[in-house]
Amino acid sequence: MKRDVEMLLLKLADGARILRLSEPESGLCLEKRLDPTQPVARQKERWAQAFTVMLERELGAAAKRQAHGLG
């Protein structure tokens, strides 16, 4: 299932960047401080893929438990 992942890139006063990924339906989010020595676009893509995989694994497992009456 394709999930709607929202992405927000924040630049802090000290110049550091924080990437916030969230999935509105579940309310789950991930915040990562980006490595200033690596390209931002590459990090955004890598973390977006990782977040999507984590969502599918966790929410898929939760749906299976619910379908079996376990929680």
PDB file of N, CA and C in Angstrom:
ATOM      1  N   MET A   1       0.845  -1.181   0.000  1.00  0.00           N
ATOM      2  CA  MET A   1       0.000   0.000   0.000  1.00  0.00           C
ATOM      3  C   MET A   1       0.889   1.243   0.000  1.00  0.00           C
ATOM      4  N   LYS A   2       0.574   2.186  -0.856  1.00  0.00           N
ATOM      5  CA  LYS A   2       1.318   3.440  -0.947  1.00  0.00           C
ATOM      6  C   LYS A   2       0.826   4.376   0.140  1.00  0.00           C
ATOM      7  N   ARG A   3       1.731   4.861   0.950  1.00  0.00           N
ATOM      8  CA  ARG A   3       1.379   5.765   2.045  1.00  0.00           C
ATOM      9  C   ARG A   3       1.742   7.195   1.677  1.00  0.00           C
ATOM     10  N   ASP A   4       0.968   8.134   2.179  1.00  0.00           N
ATOM     11  CA  ASP A   4       1.205   9.550   1.946  1.00  0.00           C
ATOM     12  C   ASP A   4       2.181  10.054   3.010  1.00  0.00           C
ATOM     13  N   VAL A   5       3.437  10.223   2.623  1.00  0.00           N
ATOM     14  CA  VAL A   5       4.464  10.679   3.553  1.00  0.00           C
ATOM     15  C   VAL A   5       4.733  12.157   3.291  1.00  0.00           C
ATOM     16  N   GLU A   6       4.631  12.957   4.346  1.00  0.00           N
ATOM     17  CA  GLU A   6       4.926  14.383   4.249  1.00  0.00           C
ATOM     18  C   GLU A   6       6.366  14.618   4.685  1.00  0.00           C
ATOM     19  N   MET A   7       7.026  15.539   4.007  1.00  0.00           N
ATOM     20  CA  MET A   7       8.425  15.825   4.285  1.00  0.00           C
ATOM     21  C   MET A   7       8.594  17.323   4.546  1.00  0.00           C
ATOM     22  N   LEU A   8       9.306  17.633   5.630  1.00  0.00           N
ATOM     23  CA  LEU A   8       9.579  19.015   5.986  1.00  0.00           C
ATOM     24  C   LEU A   8      11.064  19.131   6.296  1.00  0.00           C
ATOM     25  N   LEU A   9      11.727  20.097   5.678  1.00  0.00           N
ATOM     26  CA  LEU A   9      13.135  20.337   5.930  1.00  0.00           C
ATOM     27  C   LEU A   9      13.263  21.645   6.698  1.00  0.00           C
ATOM     28  N   LEU A  10      13.818  21.560   7.902  1.00  0.00           N
ATOM     29  CA  LEU A  10      13.970  22.733   8.754  1.00  0.00           C
ATOM     30  C   LEU A  10      15.434  23.146   8.808  1.00  0.00           C
ATOM     31  N   LYS A  11      15.697  24.434   8.714  1.00  0.00           N
ATOM     32  CA  LYS A  11      17.053  24.932   8.884  1.00  0.00           C
ATOM     33  C   LYS A  11      17.103  25.682  10.207  1.00  0.00           C
ATOM     34  N   LEU A  12      17.959  25.231  11.095  1.00  0.00           N
ATOM     35  CA  LEU A  12      18.087  25.824  12.420  1.00  0.00           C
ATOM     36  C   LEU A  12      18.967  27.061  12.376  1.00  0.00           C
ATOM     37  N   ALA A  13      18.918  27.857  13.442  1.00  0.00           N
ATOM     38  CA  ALA A  13      19.688  29.099  13.509  1.00  0.00           C
ATOM     39  C   ALA A  13      21.186  28.853  13.367  1.00  0.00           C
ATOM     40  N   ASP A  14      21.643  27.690  13.840  1.00  0.00           N
ATOM     41  CA  ASP A  14      23.080  27.392  13.750  1.00  0.00           C
ATOM     42  C   ASP A  14      23.475  26.821  12.385  1.00  0.00           C
ATOM     43  N   GLY A  15      22.515  26.724  11.454  1.00  0.00           N
ATOM     44  CA  GLY A  15      22.796  26.240  10.112  1.00  0.00           C
ATOM     45  C   GLY A  15      22.518  24.759   9.926  1.00  0.00           C
ATOM     46  N   ALA A  16      22.298  24.043  11.010  1.00  0.00           N
ATOM     47  CA  ALA A  16      22.006  22.612  10.912  1.00  0.00           C
ATOM     48  C   ALA A  16      20.640  22.411  10.262  1.00  0.00           C
ATOM     49  N   ARG A  17      20.466  21.259   9.636  1.00  0.00           N
ATOM     50  CA  ARG A  17      19.193  20.933   8.987  1.00  0.00           C
ATOM     51  C   ARG A  17      18.582  19.709   9.651  1.00  0.00           C
ATOM     52  N   ILE A  18      17.275  19.785   9.860  1.00  0.00           N
ATOM     53  CA  ILE A  18      16.494  18.682  10.420  1.00  0.00           C
ATOM     54  C   ILE A  18      15.472  18.272   9.366  1.00  0.00           C
ATOM     55  N   LEU A  19      15.403  16.980   9.113  1.00  0.00           N
ATOM     56  CA  LEU A  19      14.412  16.438   8.192  1.00  0.00           C
ATOM     57  C   LEU A  19      13.324  15.771   9.016  1.00  0.00           C
ATOM     58  N   ARG A  20      12.082  16.179   8.804  1.00  0.00           N
ATOM     59  CA  ARG A  20      10.942  15.585   9.499  1.00  0.00           C
ATOM     60  C   ARG A  20      10.060  14.890   8.467  1.00  0.00           C
ATOM     61  N   LEU A  21       9.879  13.586   8.646  1.00  0.00           N
ATOM     62  CA  LEU A  21       9.004  12.798   7.801  1.00  0.00           C
ATOM     63  C   LEU A  21       7.815  12.374   8.647  1.00  0.00           C
ATOM     64  N   SER A  22       6.606  12.506   8.108  1.00  0.00           N
ATOM     65  CA  SER A  22       5.427  12.114   8.874  1.00  0.00           C
ATOM     66  C   SER A  22       4.388  11.476   7.962  1.00  0.00           C
ATOM     67  N   GLU A  23       3.564  10.645   8.578  1.00  0.00           N
ATOM     68  CA  GLU A  23       2.470   9.977   7.884  1.00  0.00           C
ATOM     69  C   GLU A  23       1.205  10.396   8.617  1.00  0.00           C
ATOM     70  N   PRO A  24       0.411  11.293   8.031  1.00  0.00           N
ATOM     71  CA  PRO A  24      -0.723  11.904   8.732  1.00  0.00           C
ATOM     72  C   PRO A  24      -1.771  10.918   9.249  1.00  0.00           C
ATOM     73  N   GLU A  25      -2.040   9.865   8.526  1.00  0.00           N
ATOM     74  CA  GLU A  25      -3.101   8.938   8.930  1.00  0.00           C
ATOM     75  C   GLU A  25      -2.770   8.248  10.250  1.00  0.00           C
ATOM     76  N   SER A  26      -1.527   7.832  10.414  1.00  0.00           N
ATOM     77  CA  SER A  26      -1.126   7.131  11.642  1.00  0.00           C
ATOM     78  C   SER A  26      -0.597   8.084  12.707  1.00  0.00           C
ATOM     79  N   GLY A  27      -0.140   9.265  12.273  1.00  0.00           N
ATOM     80  CA  GLY A  27       0.456  10.212  13.208  1.00  0.00           C
ATOM     81  C   GLY A  27       1.914   9.925  13.519  1.00  0.00           C
ATOM     82  N   LEU A  28       2.499   8.926  12.857  1.00  0.00           N
ATOM     83  CA  LEU A  28       3.896   8.582  13.099  1.00  0.00           C
ATOM     84  C   LEU A  28       4.823   9.555  12.378  1.00  0.00           C
ATOM     85  N   CYS A  29       5.959   9.848  13.012  1.00  0.00           N
ATOM     86  CA  CYS A  29       6.925  10.731  12.367  1.00  0.00           C
ATOM     87  C   CYS A  29       8.343  10.332  12.754  1.00  0.00           C
ATOM     88  N   LEU A  30       9.284  10.817  11.961  1.00  0.00           N
ATOM     89  CA  LEU A  30      10.701  10.581  12.171  1.00  0.00           C
ATOM     90  C   LEU A  30      11.415  11.904  11.948  1.00  0.00           C
ATOM     91  N   GLU A  31      12.279  12.256  12.865  1.00  0.00           N
ATOM     92  CA  GLU A  31      13.101  13.455  12.698  1.00  0.00           C
ATOM     93  C   GLU A  31      14.564  13.046  12.737  1.00  0.00           C
ATOM     94  N   LYS A  32      15.313  13.524  11.762  1.00  0.00           N
ATOM     95  CA  LYS A  32      16.729  13.215  11.680  1.00  0.00           C
ATOM     96  C   LYS A  32      17.512  14.493  11.425  1.00  0.00           C
ATOM     97  N   ARG A  33      18.613  14.636  12.140  1.00  0.00           N
ATOM     98  CA  ARG A  33      19.541  15.735  11.862  1.00  0.00           C
ATOM     99  C   ARG A  33      20.388  15.288  10.683  1.00  0.00           C
ATOM    100  N   LEU A  34      20.432  16.104   9.639  1.00  0.00           N
ATOM    101  CA  LEU A  34      21.158  15.724   8.442  1.00  0.00           C
ATOM    102  C   LEU A  34      22.653  15.975   8.597  1.00  0.00           C
ATOM    103  N   ASP A  35      23.425  15.164   7.922  1.00  0.00           N
ATOM    104  CA  ASP A  35      24.882  15.269   7.920  1.00  0.00           C
ATOM    105  C   ASP A  35      25.282  16.432   7.007  1.00  0.00           C
ATOM    106  N   PRO A  36      25.939  17.456   7.543  1.00  0.00           N
ATOM    107  CA  PRO A  36      26.284  18.618   6.725  1.00  0.00           C
ATOM    108  C   PRO A  36      27.320  18.322   5.638  1.00  0.00           C
ATOM    109  N   THR A  37      27.989  17.177   5.718  1.00  0.00           N
ATOM    110  CA  THR A  37      29.007  16.848   4.715  1.00  0.00           C
ATOM    111  C   THR A  37      28.436  16.073   3.540  1.00  0.00           C
ATOM    112  N   GLN A  38      27.160  15.692   3.600  1.00  0.00           N
ATOM    113  CA  GLN A  38      26.519  14.911   2.542  1.00  0.00           C
ATOM    114  C   GLN A  38      25.461  15.752   1.831  1.00  0.00           C
ATOM    115  N   PRO A  39      25.223  15.493   0.537  1.00  0.00           N
ATOM    116  CA  PRO A  39      24.181  16.233  -0.188  1.00  0.00           C
ATOM    117  C   PRO A  39      22.801  16.028   0.452  1.00  0.00           C
ATOM    118  N   VAL A  40      22.070  17.111   0.614  1.00  0.00           N
ATOM    119  CA  VAL A  40      20.754  17.068   1.245  1.00  0.00           C
ATOM    120  C   VAL A  40      19.787  16.189   0.445  1.00  0.00           C
ATOM    121  N   ALA A  41      19.795  16.320  -0.872  1.00  0.00           N
ATOM    122  CA  ALA A  41      18.856  15.556  -1.703  1.00  0.00           C
ATOM    123  C   ALA A  41      19.046  14.057  -1.514  1.00  0.00           C
ATOM    124  N   ARG A  42      20.274  13.604  -1.445  1.00  0.00           N
ATOM    125  CA  ARG A  42      20.555  12.173  -1.259  1.00  0.00           C
ATOM    126  C   ARG A  42      20.049  11.698   0.100  1.00  0.00           C
ATOM    127  N   GLN A  43      20.269  12.506   1.133  1.00  0.00           N
ATOM    128  CA  GLN A  43      19.814  12.136   2.477  1.00  0.00           C
ATOM    129  C   GLN A  43      18.293  12.119   2.560  1.00  0.00           C
ATOM    130  N   LYS A  44      17.641  13.111   1.926  1.00  0.00           N
ATOM    131  CA  LYS A  44      16.177  13.140   1.923  1.00  0.00           C
ATOM    132  C   LYS A  44      15.615  11.879   1.283  1.00  0.00           C
ATOM    133  N   GLU A  45      16.183  11.484   0.160  1.00  0.00           N
ATOM    134  CA  GLU A  45      15.705  10.297  -0.541  1.00  0.00           C
ATOM    135  C   GLU A  45      15.927   9.043   0.301  1.00  0.00           C
ATOM    136  N   ARG A  46      17.120   8.923   0.881  1.00  0.00           N
ATOM    137  CA  ARG A  46      17.438   7.732   1.682  1.00  0.00           C
ATOM    138  C   ARG A  46      16.523   7.620   2.901  1.00  0.00           C
ATOM    139  N   TRP A  47      16.312   8.732   3.626  1.00  0.00           N
ATOM    140  CA  TRP A  47      15.466   8.677   4.825  1.00  0.00           C
ATOM    141  C   TRP A  47      14.003   8.490   4.479  1.00  0.00           C
ATOM    142  N   ALA A  48      13.553   9.045   3.352  1.00  0.00           N
ATOM    143  CA  ALA A  48      12.165   8.847   2.930  1.00  0.00           C
ATOM    144  C   ALA A  48      11.912   7.370   2.623  1.00  0.00           C
ATOM    145  N   GLN A  49      12.866   6.727   1.950  1.00  0.00           N
ATOM    146  CA  GLN A  49      12.719   5.296   1.656  1.00  0.00           C
ATOM    147  C   GLN A  49      12.726   4.484   2.946  1.00  0.00           C
ATOM    148  N   ALA A  50      13.641   4.798   3.855  1.00  0.00           N
ATOM    149  CA  ALA A  50      13.728   4.065   5.124  1.00  0.00           C
ATOM    150  C   ALA A  50      12.452   4.244   5.942  1.00  0.00           C
ATOM    151  N   PHE A  51      11.916   5.464   5.984  1.00  0.00           N
ATOM    152  CA  PHE A  51      10.706   5.734   6.741  1.00  0.00           C
ATOM    153  C   PHE A  51       9.519   4.955   6.164  1.00  0.00           C
ATOM    154  N   THR A  52       9.409   4.917   4.838  1.00  0.00           N
ATOM    155  CA  THR A  52       8.322   4.191   4.187  1.00  0.00           C
ATOM    156  C   THR A  52       8.408   2.698   4.506  1.00  0.00           C
ATOM    157  N   VAL A  53       9.605   2.145   4.476  1.00  0.00           N
ATOM    158  CA  VAL A  53       9.787   0.728   4.810  1.00  0.00           C
ATOM    159  C   VAL A  53       9.391   0.474   6.268  1.00  0.00           C
ATOM    160  N   MET A  54       9.817   1.359   7.173  1.00  0.00           N
ATOM    161  CA  MET A  54       9.466   1.205   8.588  1.00  0.00           C
ATOM    162  C   MET A  54       7.955   1.277   8.784  1.00  0.00           C
ATOM    163  N   LEU A  55       7.301   2.216   8.106  1.00  0.00           N
ATOM    164  CA  LEU A  55       5.840   2.348   8.211  1.00  0.00           C
ATOM    165  C   LEU A  55       5.145   1.071   7.756  1.00  0.00           C
ATOM    166  N   GLU A  56       5.538   0.576   6.602  1.00  0.00           N
ATOM    167  CA  GLU A  56       4.905  -0.625   6.069  1.00  0.00           C
ATOM    168  C   GLU A  56       5.106  -1.800   7.015  1.00  0.00           C
ATOM    169  N   ARG A  57       6.295  -1.926   7.562  1.00  0.00           N
ATOM    170  CA  ARG A  57       6.566  -3.040   8.467  1.00  0.00           C
ATOM    171  C   ARG A  57       5.736  -2.916   9.740  1.00  0.00           C
ATOM    172  N   GLU A  58       5.753  -1.753  10.362  1.00  0.00           N
ATOM    173  CA  GLU A  58       5.063  -1.566  11.640  1.00  0.00           C
ATOM    174  C   GLU A  58       3.545  -1.523  11.486  1.00  0.00           C
ATOM    175  N   LEU A  59       3.058  -0.768  10.527  1.00  0.00           N
ATOM    176  CA  LEU A  59       1.608  -0.657  10.363  1.00  0.00           C
ATOM    177  C   LEU A  59       1.022  -1.925   9.754  1.00  0.00           C
ATOM    178  N   GLY A  60       1.801  -2.605   8.910  1.00  0.00           N
ATOM    179  CA  GLY A  60       1.351  -3.880   8.367  1.00  0.00           C
ATOM    180  C   GLY A  60       1.236  -4.927   9.471  1.00  0.00           C
ATOM    181  N   ALA A  61       2.213  -4.944  10.368  1.00  0.00           N
ATOM    182  CA  ALA A  61       2.173  -5.888  11.504  1.00  0.00           C
ATOM    183  C   ALA A  61       1.010  -5.569  12.419  1.00  0.00           C
ATOM    184  N   ALA A  62       0.745  -4.291  12.651  1.00  0.00           N
ATOM    185  CA  ALA A  62      -0.374  -3.896  13.500  1.00  0.00           C
ATOM    186  C   ALA A  62      -1.707  -4.320  12.878  1.00  0.00           C
ATOM    187  N   ALA A  63      -1.816  -4.174  11.563  1.00  0.00           N
ATOM    188  CA  ALA A  63      -3.048  -4.563  10.879  1.00  0.00           C
ATOM    189  C   ALA A  63      -3.264  -6.071  10.974  1.00  0.00           C
ATOM    190  N   LYS A  64      -2.178  -6.839  10.870  1.00  0.00           N
ATOM    191  CA  LYS A  64      -2.287  -8.299  10.987  1.00  0.00           C
ATOM    192  C   LYS A  64      -2.718  -8.698  12.394  1.00  0.00           C
ATOM    193  N   ARG A  65      -2.137  -8.048  13.400  1.00  0.00           N
ATOM    194  CA  ARG A  65      -2.516  -8.355  14.787  1.00  0.00           C
ATOM    195  C   ARG A  65      -3.993  -8.041  15.004  1.00  0.00           C
ATOM    196  N   GLN A  66      -4.426  -6.903  14.474  1.00  0.00           N
ATOM    197  CA  GLN A  66      -5.823  -6.490  14.627  1.00  0.00           C
ATOM    198  C   GLN A  66      -6.751  -7.475  13.930  1.00  0.00           C
ATOM    199  N   ALA A  67      -6.369  -7.957  12.762  1.00  0.00           N
ATOM    200  CA  ALA A  67      -7.192  -8.894  12.015  1.00  0.00           C
ATOM    201  C   ALA A  67      -7.321 -10.237  12.750  1.00  0.00           C
ATOM    202  N   HIS A  68      -6.305 -10.564  13.545  1.00  0.00           N
ATOM    203  CA  HIS A  68      -6.330 -11.814  14.293  1.00  0.00           C
ATOM    204  C   HIS A  68      -6.845 -11.621  15.717  1.00  0.00           C
ATOM    205  N   GLY A  69      -7.324 -10.417  16.020  1.00  0.00           N
ATOM    206  CA  GLY A  69      -7.892 -10.142  17.331  1.00  0.00           C
ATOM    207  C   GLY A  69      -6.871 -10.070  18.457  1.00  0.00           C
ATOM    208  N   LEU A  70      -5.631  -9.710  18.103  1.00  0.00           N
ATOM    209  CA  LEU A  70      -4.564  -9.658  19.110  1.00  0.00           C
ATOM    210  C   LEU A  70      -4.268  -8.245  19.587  1.00  0.00           C
ATOM    211  N   GLY A  71      -4.955  -7.275  19.136  1.00  0.00           N
ATOM    212  CA  GLY A  71      -4.658  -5.971  19.662  1.00  0.00           C
ATOM    213  C   GLY A  71      -5.080  -4.905  18.774  1.00  0.00           C
TER     214      GLY A  71
END
